[in-house]
Amino acid sequence: MSIKVMADNDADISAKQDAALYYFLSGYKKHSIFKDYESEMEVSISNLQATLKAGGAMVYGHHIYCDGTDTLTLPSNSECYIVVRIDMTQPATHEGEFTTVTLLKEENILADGNIYDIPLYKITTGVNSVTETEDIRNIDENMIVFFDE
């Protein structure tokens, strides 16, 4: 079949086809965190321990959900980003990881890319604690855009 109509007719819809629709409806935004949904993927930090709070996001049309149970130990004496890394080379249900990176990767995971980092915070750490924190979450109230032609 060369043409598929997805009209509630039991046609199989791949995740990539679904993501393409949401990417279009978002106005072609690379990523966005959903405003007022759960805790907006906020990160709480105590000493060098970080906990990702619940929230949702969209990356190149792919829906991301965090349940608020992910934690990580931050590197000491560092400057880095706290991110949710989406890695499409990982097995299904293991594509997302709460981690730190020194350089952000922003590949188009809807096309030929595999890795996209959703930046949450930029931090500087000392020996035992975070000394500087910058909230860099991209939080959008409404991602749906209607185009007039």
Protein backbone atom coordinates (compact mmCIF):
# COMPACT_ATOMS: atom_id res chain seq x y z
CA MET A 1 0.00 0.00 0.00
CA SER A 2 1.53 3.31 -1.04
CA ILE A 3 -1.03 5.67 0.50
CA LYS A 4 -2.24 5.25 4.05
CA VAL A 5 -5.15 7.23 5.50
CA MET A 6 -5.14 7.35 9.28
CA ALA A 7 -8.79 8.04 9.99
CA ASP A 8 -9.77 5.85 12.94
CA ASN A 9 -9.92 2.91 10.56
CA ASP A 10 -7.54 0.54 12.39
CA ALA A 11 -4.64 1.51 10.11
CA ASP A 12 -1.30 0.89 11.80
CA ILE A 13 0.41 4.15 12.74
CA SER A 14 4.13 3.98 13.49
CA ALA A 15 5.68 6.05 16.26
CA LYS A 16 7.61 8.00 13.63
CA GLN A 17 4.43 8.80 11.67
CA ASP A 18 2.75 9.91 14.91
CA ALA A 19 5.77 12.08 15.83
CA ALA A 20 5.75 13.72 12.41
CA LEU A 21 2.16 14.87 13.00
CA TYR A 22 2.94 16.31 16.45
CA TYR A 23 6.10 17.98 15.15
CA PHE A 24 4.01 19.72 12.47
CA LEU A 25 1.31 20.74 14.98
CA SER A 26 3.93 22.17 17.34
CA GLY A 27 5.05 24.59 14.65
CA TYR A 28 8.25 22.58 14.10
CA LYS A 29 9.65 23.12 17.59
CA LYS A 30 12.68 20.98 18.39
CA HIS A 31 11.63 20.52 22.01
CA SER A 32 9.35 21.93 24.64
CA ILE A 33 8.36 21.08 28.21
CA PHE A 34 4.61 21.15 28.91
CA LYS A 35 3.63 24.12 31.08
CA ASP A 36 1.51 23.37 34.17
CA TYR A 37 1.76 19.61 33.66
CA GLU A 38 2.89 17.85 36.83
CA SER A 39 6.08 19.61 38.06
CA GLU A 40 7.34 20.70 34.62
CA MET A 41 10.42 18.43 34.84
CA GLU A 42 11.86 20.58 37.62
CA VAL A 43 15.01 19.25 39.29
CA SER A 44 15.51 19.36 43.05
CA ILE A 45 19.10 19.34 44.25
CA SER A 46 20.53 18.46 47.64
CA ASN A 47 24.32 18.45 47.97
CA LEU A 48 25.37 16.53 44.83
CA GLN A 49 22.13 14.55 44.48
CA ALA A 50 19.57 15.58 41.85
CA THR A 51 16.00 14.32 41.48
CA LEU A 52 13.94 14.83 38.35
CA LYS A 53 10.33 15.71 39.18
CA ALA A 54 7.40 14.56 37.08
CA GLY A 55 6.46 16.25 33.82
CA GLY A 56 6.06 15.91 30.11
CA ALA A 57 7.80 17.18 27.01
CA MET A 58 7.91 16.83 23.27
CA VAL A 59 11.11 16.33 21.26
CA TYR A 60 10.76 16.44 17.48
CA GLY A 61 7.16 15.30 17.96
CA HIS A 62 8.02 12.41 20.29
CA HIS A 63 6.13 12.54 23.60
CA ILE A 64 8.34 12.23 26.70
CA TYR A 65 7.01 11.55 30.23
CA CYS A 66 8.98 11.58 33.49
CA ASP A 67 7.33 10.04 36.55
CA GLY A 68 9.44 11.82 39.18
CA THR A 69 11.51 8.85 40.35
CA ASP A 70 14.81 9.44 38.50
CA THR A 71 17.84 10.51 40.54
CA LEU A 72 21.52 11.01 39.80
CA THR A 73 24.75 11.95 41.52
CA LEU A 74 26.22 15.14 40.09
CA PRO A 75 29.95 15.34 39.30
CA SER A 76 32.00 17.43 41.75
CA ASN A 77 34.08 20.43 40.68
CA SER A 78 32.37 20.65 37.28
CA GLU A 79 30.40 22.84 34.92
CA CYS A 80 27.74 20.86 33.10
CA TYR A 81 24.14 20.56 32.02
CA ILE A 82 21.47 18.45 33.70
CA VAL A 83 19.44 16.91 30.87
CA VAL A 84 17.00 14.27 29.82
CA ARG A 85 18.86 12.52 27.03
CA ILE A 86 16.79 10.86 24.33
CA ASP A 87 18.80 8.16 22.57
CA MET A 88 16.87 6.44 19.79
CA THR A 89 19.54 3.70 19.46
CA GLN A 90 18.46 2.25 22.83
CA PRO A 91 15.83 -0.51 23.13
CA ALA A 92 12.15 0.47 23.37
CA THR A 93 11.22 1.92 26.78
CA HIS A 94 14.91 2.68 27.51
CA GLU A 95 15.38 5.66 25.17
CA GLY A 96 15.34 8.28 27.95
CA GLU A 97 18.02 8.92 30.58
CA PHE A 98 18.37 11.56 33.33
CA THR A 99 22.05 12.53 33.22
CA THR A 100 24.67 15.27 32.98
CA VAL A 101 26.60 16.33 29.89
CA THR A 102 29.26 18.93 29.19
CA LEU A 103 28.08 19.51 25.61
CA LEU A 104 24.46 19.37 24.46
CA LYS A 105 23.53 17.12 21.55
CA GLU A 106 20.56 18.23 19.49
CA GLU A 107 20.22 15.82 16.58
CA ASN A 108 16.99 15.65 14.59
CA ILE A 109 15.59 12.37 15.95
CA LEU A 110 12.68 12.53 13.52
CA ALA A 111 15.05 12.38 10.54
CA ASP A 112 18.54 10.84 10.62
CA GLY A 113 19.66 11.79 14.16
CA ASN A 114 19.72 9.57 17.23
CA ILE A 115 20.47 11.72 20.29
CA TYR A 116 18.72 14.80 21.65
CA ASP A 117 19.39 16.38 25.05
CA ILE A 118 16.50 18.24 26.68
CA PRO A 119 18.41 20.87 28.70
CA LEU A 120 16.98 21.44 32.17
CA TYR A 121 19.66 23.26 34.18
CA LYS A 122 23.18 24.54 33.71
CA ILE A 123 25.15 24.03 36.91
CA THR A 124 28.52 24.56 38.52
CA THR A 125 29.52 22.24 41.36
CA GLY A 126 32.10 22.38 44.09
CA VAL A 127 33.42 19.52 46.19
CA ASN A 128 30.16 18.74 48.02
CA SER A 129 27.42 20.90 46.52
CA VAL A 130 26.09 22.91 43.61
CA THR A 131 27.45 26.47 43.69
CA GLU A 132 25.53 27.92 40.70
CA THR A 133 22.26 26.90 39.05
CA GLU A 134 20.60 28.30 35.94
CA ASP A 135 17.14 27.06 34.96
CA ILE A 136 17.20 26.65 31.16
CA ARG A 137 14.02 24.62 30.68
CA ASN A 138 12.02 25.57 27.59
CA ILE A 139 8.48 25.54 28.99
CA ASP A 140 5.59 26.23 26.61
CA GLU A 141 1.99 26.86 27.54
CA ASN A 142 0.49 25.69 24.28
CA MET A 143 2.34 23.98 21.48
CA ILE A 144 -0.47 23.68 18.94
CA VAL A 145 -0.17 26.16 16.11
CA PHE A 146 -2.77 26.54 13.40
CA PHE A 147 -1.45 27.71 10.06
CA ASP A 148 -3.36 30.00 7.75
CA GLU A 149 -2.57 29.73 4.09
